Amino acid sequence: MDFAKFSKSLWTLIERKSFFKRFINLPKESNSYKLFRSIVERATVELYGKDQVVFLRDRIGIVVMGSIEIRKHNNNNLMKPFIVKKAIEGDVLGWADGDR
């Protein structure tokens, strides 16, 4: 999705999500708000379908709609990954070691 083309509707959607609510009430003149806004404006929105595998290598993702199962493989059974966590709306992915 083109953030520039759909910026108002995407911004409205993103502002409502739990992860972002902490930033919305910052004073618009504050450096924290300006930094947050610049990061969001450079972000890309990617949509993934059910059962699609997502690799975030060197990126961070935020679930804004739906949920994602985070799975890992172990050395005992490489063919059958196990579920580590179910990420839901507002969860940040790729930030902590436990969610990679």
PDB file of N, CA and C in Angstrom:
ATOM      1  N   MET A   1       0.830  -1.184   0.000  1.00  0.00           N
ATOM      2  CA  MET A   1       0.000   0.000   0.000  1.00  0.00           C
ATOM      3  C   MET A   1       0.871   1.242   0.000  1.00  0.00           C
ATOM      4  N   ASP A   2       0.455   2.238  -0.689  1.00  0.00           N
ATOM      5  CA  ASP A   2       1.202   3.479  -0.787  1.00  0.00           C
ATOM      6  C   ASP A   2       0.810   4.402   0.364  1.00  0.00           C
ATOM      7  N   PHE A   3       1.740   4.581   1.326  1.00  0.00           N
ATOM      8  CA  PHE A   3       1.441   5.392   2.512  1.00  0.00           C
ATOM      9  C   PHE A   3       1.140   6.833   2.105  1.00  0.00           C
ATOM     10  N   ALA A   4       1.865   7.370   1.128  1.00  0.00           N
ATOM     11  CA  ALA A   4       1.639   8.755   0.702  1.00  0.00           C
ATOM     12  C   ALA A   4       0.235   8.924   0.120  1.00  0.00           C
ATOM     13  N   LYS A   5      -0.187   7.963  -0.669  1.00  0.00           N
ATOM     14  CA  LYS A   5      -1.493   8.054  -1.329  1.00  0.00           C
ATOM     15  C   LYS A   5      -2.640   7.880  -0.339  1.00  0.00           C
ATOM     16  N   PHE A   6      -2.476   6.994   0.636  1.00  0.00           N
ATOM     17  CA  PHE A   6      -3.548   6.690   1.588  1.00  0.00           C
ATOM     18  C   PHE A   6      -3.199   7.146   3.008  1.00  0.00           C
ATOM     19  N   SER A   7      -2.339   8.171   3.131  1.00  0.00           N
ATOM     20  CA  SER A   7      -1.802   8.528   4.446  1.00  0.00           C
ATOM     21  C   SER A   7      -2.876   8.857   5.477  1.00  0.00           C
ATOM     22  N   LYS A   8      -3.903   9.592   5.117  1.00  0.00           N
ATOM     23  CA  LYS A   8      -4.919   9.976   6.096  1.00  0.00           C
ATOM     24  C   LYS A   8      -5.666   8.754   6.612  1.00  0.00           C
ATOM     25  N   SER A   9      -6.095   7.866   5.733  1.00  0.00           N
ATOM     26  CA  SER A   9      -6.843   6.688   6.183  1.00  0.00           C
ATOM     27  C   SER A   9      -5.946   5.716   6.948  1.00  0.00           C
ATOM     28  N   LEU A  10      -4.704   5.543   6.519  1.00  0.00           N
ATOM     29  CA  LEU A  10      -3.782   4.659   7.235  1.00  0.00           C
ATOM     30  C   LEU A  10      -3.427   5.241   8.597  1.00  0.00           C
ATOM     31  N   TRP A  11      -3.183   6.535   8.641  1.00  0.00           N
ATOM     32  CA  TRP A  11      -2.850   7.184   9.908  1.00  0.00           C
ATOM     33  C   TRP A  11      -4.005   7.023  10.891  1.00  0.00           C
ATOM     34  N   THR A  12      -5.242   7.192  10.413  1.00  0.00           N
ATOM     35  CA  THR A  12      -6.421   7.027  11.266  1.00  0.00           C
ATOM     36  C   THR A  12      -6.503   5.602  11.801  1.00  0.00           C
ATOM     37  N   LEU A  13      -6.267   4.621  10.957  1.00  0.00           N
ATOM     38  CA  LEU A  13      -6.291   3.218  11.377  1.00  0.00           C
ATOM     39  C   LEU A  13      -5.195   2.942  12.404  1.00  0.00           C
ATOM     40  N   ILE A  14      -3.992   3.395  12.126  1.00  0.00           N
ATOM     41  CA  ILE A  14      -2.857   3.133  12.997  1.00  0.00           C
ATOM     42  C   ILE A  14      -3.027   3.804  14.358  1.00  0.00           C
ATOM     43  N   GLU A  15      -3.538   5.035  14.375  1.00  0.00           N
ATOM     44  CA  GLU A  15      -3.716   5.761  15.638  1.00  0.00           C
ATOM     45  C   GLU A  15      -4.606   5.017  16.617  1.00  0.00           C
ATOM     46  N   ARG A  16      -5.526   4.223  16.117  1.00  0.00           N
ATOM     47  CA  ARG A  16      -6.477   3.509  16.973  1.00  0.00           C
ATOM     48  C   ARG A  16      -5.899   2.245  17.603  1.00  0.00           C
ATOM     49  N   LYS A  17      -4.775   1.788  17.124  1.00  0.00           N
ATOM     50  CA  LYS A  17      -4.191   0.545  17.610  1.00  0.00           C
ATOM     51  C   LYS A  17      -3.479   0.759  18.940  1.00  0.00           C
ATOM     52  N   SER A  18      -3.540  -0.230  19.796  1.00  0.00           N
ATOM     53  CA  SER A  18      -3.046  -0.096  21.166  1.00  0.00           C
ATOM     54  C   SER A  18      -1.582   0.330  21.234  1.00  0.00           C
ATOM     55  N   PHE A  19      -0.733  -0.188  20.369  1.00  0.00           N
ATOM     56  CA  PHE A  19       0.685   0.152  20.418  1.00  0.00           C
ATOM     57  C   PHE A  19       0.908   1.650  20.222  1.00  0.00           C
ATOM     58  N   PHE A  20       0.130   2.274  19.356  1.00  0.00           N
ATOM     59  CA  PHE A  20       0.347   3.663  18.983  1.00  0.00           C
ATOM     60  C   PHE A  20      -0.346   4.667  19.889  1.00  0.00           C
ATOM     61  N   LYS A  21      -1.306   4.235  20.677  1.00  0.00           N
ATOM     62  CA  LYS A  21      -2.074   5.171  21.500  1.00  0.00           C
ATOM     63  C   LYS A  21      -1.185   5.979  22.437  1.00  0.00           C
ATOM     64  N   ARG A  22      -0.098   5.413  22.895  1.00  0.00           N
ATOM     65  CA  ARG A  22       0.805   6.125  23.817  1.00  0.00           C
ATOM     66  C   ARG A  22       1.459   7.339  23.180  1.00  0.00           C
ATOM     67  N   PHE A  23       1.540   7.371  21.858  1.00  0.00           N
ATOM     68  CA  PHE A  23       2.200   8.474  21.165  1.00  0.00           C
ATOM     69  C   PHE A  23       1.234   9.582  20.749  1.00  0.00           C
ATOM     70  N   ILE A  24      -0.019   9.247  20.614  1.00  0.00           N
ATOM     71  CA  ILE A  24      -0.992  10.179  20.050  1.00  0.00           C
ATOM     72  C   ILE A  24      -1.203  11.399  20.933  1.00  0.00           C
ATOM     73  N   ASN A  25      -1.157  11.242  22.242  1.00  0.00           N
ATOM     74  CA  ASN A  25      -1.426  12.362  23.140  1.00  0.00           C
ATOM     75  C   ASN A  25      -0.194  13.194  23.476  1.00  0.00           C
ATOM     76  N   LEU A  26       0.930  12.896  22.861  1.00  0.00           N
ATOM     77  CA  LEU A  26       2.121  13.722  23.062  1.00  0.00           C
ATOM     78  C   LEU A  26       1.889  15.092  22.431  1.00  0.00           C
ATOM     79  N   PRO A  27       2.452  16.135  23.016  1.00  0.00           N
ATOM     80  CA  PRO A  27       2.330  17.458  22.388  1.00  0.00           C
ATOM     81  C   PRO A  27       2.944  17.433  20.987  1.00  0.00           C
ATOM     82  N   LYS A  28       2.240  17.977  20.028  1.00  0.00           N
ATOM     83  CA  LYS A  28       2.681  17.921  18.634  1.00  0.00           C
ATOM     84  C   LYS A  28       4.021  18.648  18.417  1.00  0.00           C
ATOM     85  N   GLU A  29       4.378  19.557  19.333  1.00  0.00           N
ATOM     86  CA  GLU A  29       5.644  20.276  19.216  1.00  0.00           C
ATOM     87  C   GLU A  29       6.809  19.492  19.809  1.00  0.00           C
ATOM     88  N   SER A  30       6.522  18.434  20.559  1.00  0.00           N
ATOM     89  CA  SER A  30       7.576  17.698  21.253  1.00  0.00           C
ATOM     90  C   SER A  30       8.461  16.919  20.281  1.00  0.00           C
ATOM     91  N   ASN A  31       9.715  16.763  20.660  1.00  0.00           N
ATOM     92  CA  ASN A  31      10.646  15.997  19.829  1.00  0.00           C
ATOM     93  C   ASN A  31      10.219  14.541  19.721  1.00  0.00           C
ATOM     94  N   SER A  32       9.648  13.988  20.796  1.00  0.00           N
ATOM     95  CA  SER A  32       9.196  12.592  20.777  1.00  0.00           C
ATOM     96  C   SER A  32       8.099  12.392  19.741  1.00  0.00           C
ATOM     97  N   TYR A  33       7.161  13.315  19.682  1.00  0.00           N
ATOM     98  CA  TYR A  33       6.079  13.204  18.700  1.00  0.00           C
ATOM     99  C   TYR A  33       6.625  13.356  17.287  1.00  0.00           C
ATOM    100  N   LYS A  34       7.523  14.311  17.090  1.00  0.00           N
ATOM    101  CA  LYS A  34       8.094  14.523  15.760  1.00  0.00           C
ATOM    102  C   LYS A  34       8.877  13.298  15.300  1.00  0.00           C
ATOM    103  N   LEU A  35       9.634  12.690  16.220  1.00  0.00           N
ATOM    104  CA  LEU A  35      10.376  11.476  15.884  1.00  0.00           C
ATOM    105  C   LEU A  35       9.417  10.348  15.522  1.00  0.00           C
ATOM    106  N   PHE A  36       8.396  10.153  16.353  1.00  0.00           N
ATOM    107  CA  PHE A  36       7.396   9.126  16.083  1.00  0.00           C
ATOM    108  C   PHE A  36       6.753   9.345  14.717  1.00  0.00           C
ATOM    109  N   ARG A  37       6.353  10.552  14.440  1.00  0.00           N
ATOM    110  CA  ARG A  37       5.684  10.859  13.169  1.00  0.00           C
ATOM    111  C   ARG A  37       6.617  10.593  11.984  1.00  0.00           C
ATOM    112  N   SER A  38       7.895  10.941  12.112  1.00  0.00           N
ATOM    113  CA  SER A  38       8.832  10.707  11.003  1.00  0.00           C
ATOM    114  C   SER A  38       9.050   9.216  10.765  1.00  0.00           C
ATOM    115  N   ILE A  39       9.067   8.440  11.846  1.00  0.00           N
ATOM    116  CA  ILE A  39       9.219   6.984  11.698  1.00  0.00           C
ATOM    117  C   ILE A  39       8.002   6.391  10.993  1.00  0.00           C
ATOM    118  N   VAL A  40       6.818   6.789  11.415  1.00  0.00           N
ATOM    119  CA  VAL A  40       5.590   6.254  10.813  1.00  0.00           C
ATOM    120  C   VAL A  40       5.475   6.663   9.356  1.00  0.00           C
ATOM    121  N   GLU A  41       5.868   7.878   9.030  1.00  0.00           N
ATOM    122  CA  GLU A  41       5.770   8.338   7.644  1.00  0.00           C
ATOM    123  C   GLU A  41       6.727   7.590   6.716  1.00  0.00           C
ATOM    124  N   ARG A  42       7.822   7.044   7.265  1.00  0.00           N
ATOM    125  CA  ARG A  42       8.767   6.259   6.454  1.00  0.00           C
ATOM    126  C   ARG A  42       8.428   4.776   6.450  1.00  0.00           C
ATOM    127  N   ALA A  43       7.456   4.398   7.242  1.00  0.00           N
ATOM    128  CA  ALA A  43       7.092   2.979   7.361  1.00  0.00           C
ATOM    129  C   ALA A  43       6.363   2.505   6.102  1.00  0.00           C
ATOM    130  N   THR A  44       6.378   1.201   5.932  1.00  0.00           N
ATOM    131  CA  THR A  44       5.603   0.614   4.842  1.00  0.00           C
ATOM    132  C   THR A  44       4.531  -0.286   5.435  1.00  0.00           C
ATOM    133  N   VAL A  45       3.433  -0.370   4.746  1.00  0.00           N
ATOM    134  CA  VAL A  45       2.334  -1.226   5.167  1.00  0.00           C
ATOM    135  C   VAL A  45       2.324  -2.431   4.249  1.00  0.00           C
ATOM    136  N   GLU A  46       2.359  -3.613   4.836  1.00  0.00           N
ATOM    137  CA  GLU A  46       2.338  -4.840   4.048  1.00  0.00           C
ATOM    138  C   GLU A  46       1.195  -5.710   4.540  1.00  0.00           C
ATOM    139  N   LEU A  47       0.456  -6.252   3.611  1.00  0.00           N
ATOM    140  CA  LEU A  47      -0.649  -7.135   3.952  1.00  0.00           C
ATOM    141  C   LEU A  47      -0.233  -8.573   3.675  1.00  0.00           C
ATOM    142  N   TYR A  48      -0.566  -9.456   4.591  1.00  0.00           N
ATOM    143  CA  TYR A  48      -0.227 -10.863   4.443  1.00  0.00           C
ATOM    144  C   TYR A  48      -1.495 -11.685   4.527  1.00  0.00           C
ATOM    145  N   GLY A  49      -1.554 -12.719   3.734  1.00  0.00           N
ATOM    146  CA  GLY A  49      -2.703 -13.602   3.728  1.00  0.00           C
ATOM    147  C   GLY A  49      -2.564 -14.731   4.730  1.00  0.00           C
ATOM    148  N   LYS A  50      -3.671 -15.401   4.957  1.00  0.00           N
ATOM    149  CA  LYS A  50      -3.680 -16.546   5.862  1.00  0.00           C
ATOM    150  C   LYS A  50      -2.693 -17.602   5.356  1.00  0.00           C
ATOM    151  N   ASP A  51      -1.949 -18.195   6.269  1.00  0.00           N
ATOM    152  CA  ASP A  51      -0.962 -19.232   5.994  1.00  0.00           C
ATOM    153  C   ASP A  51       0.250 -18.743   5.204  1.00  0.00           C
ATOM    154  N   GLN A  52       0.391 -17.451   5.029  1.00  0.00           N
ATOM    155  CA  GLN A  52       1.569 -16.910   4.367  1.00  0.00           C
ATOM    156  C   GLN A  52       2.706 -16.804   5.383  1.00  0.00           C
ATOM    157  N   VAL A  53       3.899 -17.210   4.983  1.00  0.00           N
ATOM    158  CA  VAL A  53       5.070 -17.153   5.853  1.00  0.00           C
ATOM    159  C   VAL A  53       5.660 -15.745   5.766  1.00  0.00           C
ATOM    160  N   VAL A  54       5.980 -15.174   6.933  1.00  0.00           N
ATOM    161  CA  VAL A  54       6.504 -13.812   7.000  1.00  0.00           C
ATOM    162  C   VAL A  54       7.893 -13.854   7.625  1.00  0.00           C
ATOM    163  N   PHE A  55       8.866 -13.279   6.944  1.00  0.00           N
ATOM    164  CA  PHE A  55      10.209 -13.128   7.479  1.00  0.00           C
ATOM    165  C   PHE A  55      10.483 -11.635   7.633  1.00  0.00           C
ATOM    166  N   LEU A  56      10.818 -11.201   8.833  1.00  0.00           N
ATOM    167  CA  LEU A  56      11.053  -9.779   9.085  1.00  0.00           C
ATOM    168  C   LEU A  56      12.530  -9.414   9.136  1.00  0.00           C
ATOM    169  N   ARG A  57      13.380 -10.232   8.692  1.00  0.00           N
ATOM    170  CA  ARG A  57      14.832 -10.049   8.788  1.00  0.00           C
ATOM    171  C   ARG A  57      15.232  -8.576   8.834  1.00  0.00           C
ATOM    172  N   ASP A  58      15.825  -8.166   9.967  1.00  0.00           N
ATOM    173  CA  ASP A  58      16.321  -6.802  10.192  1.00  0.00           C
ATOM    174  C   ASP A  58      15.235  -5.729  10.082  1.00  0.00           C
ATOM    175  N   ARG A  59      13.983  -6.124  10.315  1.00  0.00           N
ATOM    176  CA  ARG A  59      12.872  -5.168  10.331  1.00  0.00           C
ATOM    177  C   ARG A  59      12.020  -5.430  11.565  1.00  0.00           C
ATOM    178  N   ILE A  60      11.194  -4.487  11.879  1.00  0.00           N
ATOM    179  CA  ILE A  60      10.247  -4.640  12.979  1.00  0.00           C
ATOM    180  C   ILE A  60       8.847  -4.533  12.399  1.00  0.00           C
ATOM    181  N   GLY A  61       7.948  -5.365  12.882  1.00  0.00           N
ATOM    182  CA  GLY A  61       6.572  -5.333  12.417  1.00  0.00           C
ATOM    183  C   GLY A  61       5.619  -5.129  13.581  1.00  0.00           C
ATOM    184  N   ILE A  62       4.469  -4.569  13.299  1.00  0.00           N
ATOM    185  CA  ILE A  62       3.428  -4.391  14.301  1.00  0.00           C
ATOM    186  C   ILE A  62       2.139  -4.949  13.724  1.00  0.00           C
ATOM    187  N   VAL A  63       1.501  -5.818  14.465  1.00  0.00           N
ATOM    188  CA  VAL A  63       0.244  -6.405  14.017  1.00  0.00           C
ATOM    189  C   VAL A  63      -0.837  -5.347  14.190  1.00  0.00           C
ATOM    190  N   VAL A  64      -1.416  -4.887  13.090  1.00  0.00           N
ATOM    191  CA  VAL A  64      -2.470  -3.878  13.182  1.00  0.00           C
ATOM    192  C   VAL A  64      -3.854  -4.473  12.951  1.00  0.00           C
ATOM    193  N   MET A  65      -3.903  -5.699  12.452  1.00  0.00           N
ATOM    194  CA  MET A  65      -5.187  -6.358  12.242  1.00  0.00           C
ATOM    195  C   MET A  65      -4.961  -7.870  12.199  1.00  0.00           C
ATOM    196  N   GLY A  66      -5.788  -8.611  12.885  1.00  0.00           N
ATOM    197  CA  GLY A  66      -5.671 -10.064  12.871  1.00  0.00           C
ATOM    198  C   GLY A  66      -4.654 -10.565  13.888  1.00  0.00           C
ATOM    199  N   SER A  67      -4.070 -11.705  13.593  1.00  0.00           N
ATOM    200  CA  SER A  67      -3.087 -12.306  14.490  1.00  0.00           C
ATOM    201  C   SER A  67      -2.075 -13.095  13.671  1.00  0.00           C
ATOM    202  N   ILE A  68      -0.944 -13.383  14.307  1.00  0.00           N
ATOM    203  CA  ILE A  68       0.129 -14.140  13.652  1.00  0.00           C
ATOM    204  C   ILE A  68       0.667 -15.161  14.640  1.00  0.00           C
ATOM    205  N   GLU A  69       0.834 -16.386  14.185  1.00  0.00           N
ATOM    206  CA  GLU A  69       1.500 -17.401  15.017  1.00  0.00           C
ATOM    207  C   GLU A  69       2.992 -17.334  14.755  1.00  0.00           C
ATOM    208  N   ILE A  70       3.753 -17.229  15.824  1.00  0.00           N
ATOM    209  CA  ILE A  70       5.208 -17.212  15.702  1.00  0.00           C
ATOM    210  C   ILE A  70       5.697 -18.613  16.028  1.00  0.00           C
ATOM    211  N   ARG A  71       6.403 -19.203  15.085  1.00  0.00           N
ATOM    212  CA  ARG A  71       6.852 -20.589  15.228  1.00  0.00           C
ATOM    213  C   ARG A  71       8.359 -20.679  15.141  1.00  0.00           C
ATOM    214  N   LYS A  72       8.889 -21.716  15.754  1.00  0.00           N
ATOM    215  CA  LYS A  72      10.322 -22.011  15.696  1.00  0.00           C
ATOM    216  C   LYS A  72      10.512 -23.483  15.389  1.00  0.00           C
ATOM    217  N   HIS A  73      11.668 -23.783  14.856  1.00  0.00           N
ATOM    218  CA  HIS A  73      12.065 -25.171  14.633  1.00  0.00           C
ATOM    219  C   HIS A  73      13.065 -25.552  15.714  1.00  0.00           C
ATOM    220  N   ASN A  74      13.043 -26.799  16.098  1.00  0.00           N
ATOM    221  CA  ASN A  74      14.102 -27.264  16.991  1.00  0.00           C
ATOM    222  C   ASN A  74      14.890 -28.358  16.272  1.00  0.00           C
ATOM    223  N   ASN A  75      16.016 -28.718  16.815  1.00  0.00           N
ATOM    224  CA  ASN A  75      16.890 -29.699  16.159  1.00  0.00           C
ATOM    225  C   ASN A  75      16.314 -31.102  16.147  1.00  0.00           C
ATOM    226  N   ASN A  76      15.359 -31.384  17.033  1.00  0.00           N
ATOM    227  CA  ASN A  76      14.783 -32.729  17.092  1.00  0.00           C
ATOM    228  C   ASN A  76      13.823 -33.011  15.942  1.00  0.00           C
ATOM    229  N   ASN A  77      13.124 -31.974  15.474  1.00  0.00           N
ATOM    230  CA  ASN A  77      12.148 -32.189  14.409  1.00  0.00           C
ATOM    231  C   ASN A  77      12.074 -30.929  13.545  1.00  0.00           C
ATOM    232  N   LEU A  78      12.939 -30.854  12.555  1.00  0.00           N
ATOM    233  CA  LEU A  78      12.988 -29.673  11.692  1.00  0.00           C
ATOM    234  C   LEU A  78      11.762 -29.540  10.796  1.00  0.00           C
ATOM    235  N   MET A  79      11.054 -30.613  10.587  1.00  0.00           N
ATOM    236  CA  MET A  79       9.897 -30.584   9.692  1.00  0.00           C
ATOM    237  C   MET A  79       8.634 -30.058  10.365  1.00  0.00           C
ATOM    238  N   LYS A  80       8.606 -30.058  11.685  1.00  0.00           N
ATOM    239  CA  LYS A  80       7.396 -29.631  12.378  1.00  0.00           C
ATOM    240  C   LYS A  80       7.734 -28.532  13.392  1.00  0.00           C
ATOM    241  N   PRO A  81       7.515 -27.268  13.005  1.00  0.00           N
ATOM    242  CA  PRO A  81       7.808 -26.178  13.940  1.00  0.00           C
ATOM    243  C   PRO A  81       6.781 -26.152  15.076  1.00  0.00           C
ATOM    244  N   PHE A  82       7.167 -25.570  16.191  1.00  0.00           N
ATOM    245  CA  PHE A  82       6.233 -25.451  17.302  1.00  0.00           C
ATOM    246  C   PHE A  82       5.882 -23.977  17.503  1.00  0.00           C
ATOM    247  N   ILE A  83       4.705 -23.722  18.028  1.00  0.00           N
ATOM    248  CA  ILE A  83       4.224 -22.356  18.233  1.00  0.00           C
ATOM    249  C   ILE A  83       4.860 -21.780  19.492  1.00  0.00           C
ATOM    250  N   VAL A  84       5.507 -20.634  19.346  1.00  0.00           N
ATOM    251  CA  VAL A  84       6.137 -19.945  20.459  1.00  0.00           C
ATOM    252  C   VAL A  84       5.150 -18.955  21.075  1.00  0.00           C
ATOM    253  N   LYS A  85       4.402 -18.283  20.221  1.00  0.00           N
ATOM    254  CA  LYS A  85       3.518 -17.219  20.684  1.00  0.00           C
ATOM    255  C   LYS A  85       2.496 -16.925  19.599  1.00  0.00           C
ATOM    256  N   LYS A  86       1.330 -16.472  20.005  1.00  0.00           N
ATOM    257  CA  LYS A  86       0.349 -15.962  19.056  1.00  0.00           C
ATOM    258  C   LYS A  86       0.303 -14.446  19.239  1.00  0.00           C
ATOM    259  N   ALA A  87       0.800 -13.726  18.251  1.00  0.00           N
ATOM    260  CA  ALA A  87       0.831 -12.265  18.311  1.00  0.00           C
ATOM    261  C   ALA A  87      -0.528 -11.736  17.871  1.00  0.00           C
ATOM    262  N   ILE A  88      -1.050 -10.813  18.646  1.00  0.00           N
ATOM    263  CA  ILE A  88      -2.356 -10.227  18.337  1.00  0.00           C
ATOM    264  C   ILE A  88      -2.198  -8.735  18.058  1.00  0.00           C
ATOM    265  N   GLU A  89      -3.288  -8.106  17.697  1.00  0.00           N
ATOM    266  CA  GLU A  89      -3.287  -6.691  17.357  1.00  0.00           C
ATOM    267  C   GLU A  89      -2.553  -5.863  18.411  1.00  0.00           C
ATOM    268  N   GLY A  90      -1.602  -5.073  17.954  1.00  0.00           N
ATOM    269  CA  GLY A  90      -0.815  -4.228  18.843  1.00  0.00           C
ATOM    270  C   GLY A  90       0.526  -4.816  19.226  1.00  0.00           C
ATOM    271  N   ASP A  91       0.731  -6.104  18.996  1.00  0.00           N
ATOM    272  CA  ASP A  91       2.015  -6.730  19.338  1.00  0.00           C
ATOM    273  C   ASP A  91       3.109  -6.305  18.358  1.00  0.00           C
ATOM    274  N   VAL A  92       4.305  -6.136  18.898  1.00  0.00           N
ATOM    275  CA  VAL A  92       5.468  -5.762  18.101  1.00  0.00           C
ATOM    276  C   VAL A  92       6.248  -7.035  17.799  1.00  0.00           C
ATOM    277  N   LEU A  93       6.647  -7.217  16.557  1.00  0.00           N
ATOM    278  CA  LEU A  93       7.385  -8.405  16.125  1.00  0.00           C
ATOM    279  C   LEU A  93       8.798  -8.022  15.716  1.00  0.00           C
ATOM    280  N   GLY A  94       9.754  -8.870  16.051  1.00  0.00           N
ATOM    281  CA  GLY A  94      11.127  -8.652  15.643  1.00  0.00           C
ATOM    282  C   GLY A  94      11.885  -7.723  16.557  1.00  0.00           C
ATOM    283  N   TRP A  95      11.334  -7.385  17.688  1.00  0.00           N
ATOM    284  CA  TRP A  95      11.998  -6.466  18.615  1.00  0.00           C
ATOM    285  C   TRP A  95      12.773  -7.230  19.692  1.00  0.00           C
ATOM    286  N   ALA A  96      12.136  -8.224  20.295  1.00  0.00           N
ATOM    287  CA  ALA A  96      12.768  -9.010  21.363  1.00  0.00           C
ATOM    288  C   ALA A  96      13.163 -10.376  20.835  1.00  0.00           C
ATOM    289  N   ASP A  97      14.134 -10.989  21.481  1.00  0.00           N
ATOM    290  CA  ASP A  97      14.586 -12.301  21.043  1.00  0.00           C
ATOM    291  C   ASP A  97      13.475 -13.342  21.074  1.00  0.00           C
ATOM    292  N   GLY A  98      12.535 -13.209  21.988  1.00  0.00           N
ATOM    293  CA  GLY A  98      11.477 -14.190  22.127  1.00  0.00           C
ATOM    294  C   GLY A  98      10.474 -14.220  21.011  1.00  0.00           C
ATOM    295  N   ASP A  99      10.455 -13.182  20.158  1.00  0.00           N
ATOM    296  CA  ASP A  99       9.447 -13.178  19.103  1.00  0.00           C
ATOM    297  C   ASP A  99      10.040 -13.293  17.707  1.00  0.00           C
ATOM    298  N   ARG A 100      11.270 -13.722  17.614  1.00  0.00           N
ATOM    299  CA  ARG A 100      11.889 -13.877  16.284  1.00  0.00           C
ATOM    300  C   ARG A 100      11.729 -15.281  15.793  1.00  0.00           C
TER     301      ARG A 100
END
